[in-house]
Amino acid sequence: MKQLSKIIAFTALVSLTTTVQASNESSLTLTEMTESAIASMNSELNAKLEQTIQREAKKAMTEQLAVARTAIFIASVSNSRTTDKMVIKGE
């Protein structure tokens, strides 16, 4: 939402002047400036999205590891109890 408001504010600002002199020989049009601003903001959003994806993937992997450890612990306790019963019965 912040990015959208930045784009709107930038477009409003740029709409006051249709062209800006970039050098003595060429100028940037409103369309070019808007496209450049959008591309820049898109890059920022993509970088933030990639960070979020990596963070969420790491959290999911940590949760899966915790579940696996718990399952291994439960299995080892269950196996230990079975072994204890066999020893008591003399099997």
Protein backbone atom coordinates (compact mmCIF):
# COMPACT_ATOMS: atom_id res chain seq x y z
CA MET A 1 0.00 0.00 0.00
CA LYS A 2 2.90 2.35 0.77
CA GLN A 3 4.37 1.64 -2.63
CA LEU A 4 1.08 2.44 -4.35
CA SER A 5 0.79 5.76 -2.53
CA LYS A 6 4.38 6.57 -3.56
CA ILE A 7 3.53 5.83 -7.19
CA ILE A 8 0.42 8.02 -7.00
CA ALA A 9 2.32 10.86 -5.36
CA PHE A 10 5.14 10.58 -7.88
CA THR A 11 2.72 10.54 -10.81
CA ALA A 12 0.90 13.58 -9.45
CA LEU A 13 4.18 15.43 -9.06
CA VAL A 14 5.37 14.49 -12.52
CA SER A 15 2.03 15.38 -14.11
CA LEU A 16 2.70 19.04 -13.26
CA THR A 17 5.58 18.97 -15.72
CA THR A 18 5.25 16.77 -18.76
CA THR A 19 8.95 16.63 -19.49
CA VAL A 20 12.17 17.12 -17.57
CA GLN A 21 15.34 18.08 -19.35
CA ALA A 22 17.79 15.17 -18.84
CA SER A 23 20.56 16.76 -20.86
CA ASN A 24 20.96 19.42 -23.51
CA GLU A 25 20.06 16.94 -26.24
CA SER A 26 17.33 14.70 -24.78
CA SER A 27 14.49 14.73 -22.31
CA LEU A 28 12.52 12.17 -20.35
CA THR A 29 8.82 12.04 -20.98
CA LEU A 30 6.21 11.56 -18.30
CA THR A 31 5.73 7.97 -19.47
CA GLU A 32 9.45 7.19 -19.25
CA MET A 33 9.72 8.72 -15.78
CA THR A 34 6.65 6.84 -14.55
CA GLU A 35 7.90 3.57 -16.01
CA SER A 36 11.27 4.09 -14.37
CA ALA A 37 9.67 4.80 -10.99
CA ILE A 38 7.40 1.76 -11.28
CA ALA A 39 10.33 -0.48 -12.28
CA SER A 40 12.35 0.75 -9.30
CA MET A 41 9.50 0.17 -6.86
CA ASN A 42 8.81 -3.22 -8.44
CA SER A 43 12.42 -4.22 -7.81
CA GLU A 44 12.11 -3.18 -4.16
CA LEU A 45 8.88 -5.15 -3.78
CA ASN A 46 10.41 -8.24 -5.41
CA ALA A 47 13.38 -8.08 -3.04
CA LYS A 48 11.07 -7.79 -0.02
CA LEU A 49 8.92 -10.64 -1.33
CA GLU A 50 11.99 -12.86 -1.76
CA GLN A 51 13.07 -12.09 1.82
CA THR A 52 9.59 -12.94 3.09
CA ILE A 53 9.52 -16.20 1.14
CA GLN A 54 12.92 -17.21 2.51
CA ARG A 55 11.92 -16.29 6.07
CA GLU A 56 8.66 -18.27 5.84
CA ALA A 57 10.44 -21.26 4.27
CA LYS A 58 12.96 -21.24 7.11
CA LYS A 59 10.15 -21.13 9.69
CA ALA A 60 8.37 -24.04 7.97
CA MET A 61 11.57 -26.10 7.87
CA THR A 62 12.19 -25.39 11.57
CA GLU A 63 8.66 -26.52 12.41
CA GLN A 64 9.07 -29.69 10.34
CA LEU A 65 12.36 -30.42 12.07
CA ALA A 66 10.71 -30.02 15.47
CA VAL A 67 7.93 -32.42 14.46
CA ALA A 68 10.48 -34.95 13.18
CA ARG A 69 12.49 -34.74 16.41
CA THR A 70 9.34 -35.25 18.45
CA ALA A 71 8.38 -38.27 16.35
CA ILE A 72 11.86 -39.76 16.76
CA PHE A 73 11.71 -39.20 20.52
CA ILE A 74 8.28 -40.82 20.78
CA ALA A 75 9.43 -43.77 18.69
CA SER A 76 12.55 -44.23 20.79
CA VAL A 77 10.55 -44.10 24.05
CA SER A 78 8.01 -46.56 22.64
CA ASN A 79 10.79 -48.86 21.45
CA SER A 80 12.51 -48.62 24.83
CA ARG A 81 9.31 -49.61 26.65
CA THR A 82 8.81 -52.57 24.31
CA THR A 83 12.39 -53.70 24.96
CA ASP A 84 11.88 -53.34 28.73
CA LYS A 85 8.74 -55.53 28.58
CA MET A 86 10.62 -58.19 26.64
CA VAL A 87 13.41 -58.25 29.22
CA ILE A 88 10.95 -58.50 32.11
CA LYS A 89 9.09 -61.38 30.44
CA GLY A 90 12.38 -63.08 29.67
CA GLU A 91 11.96 -63.11 25.91
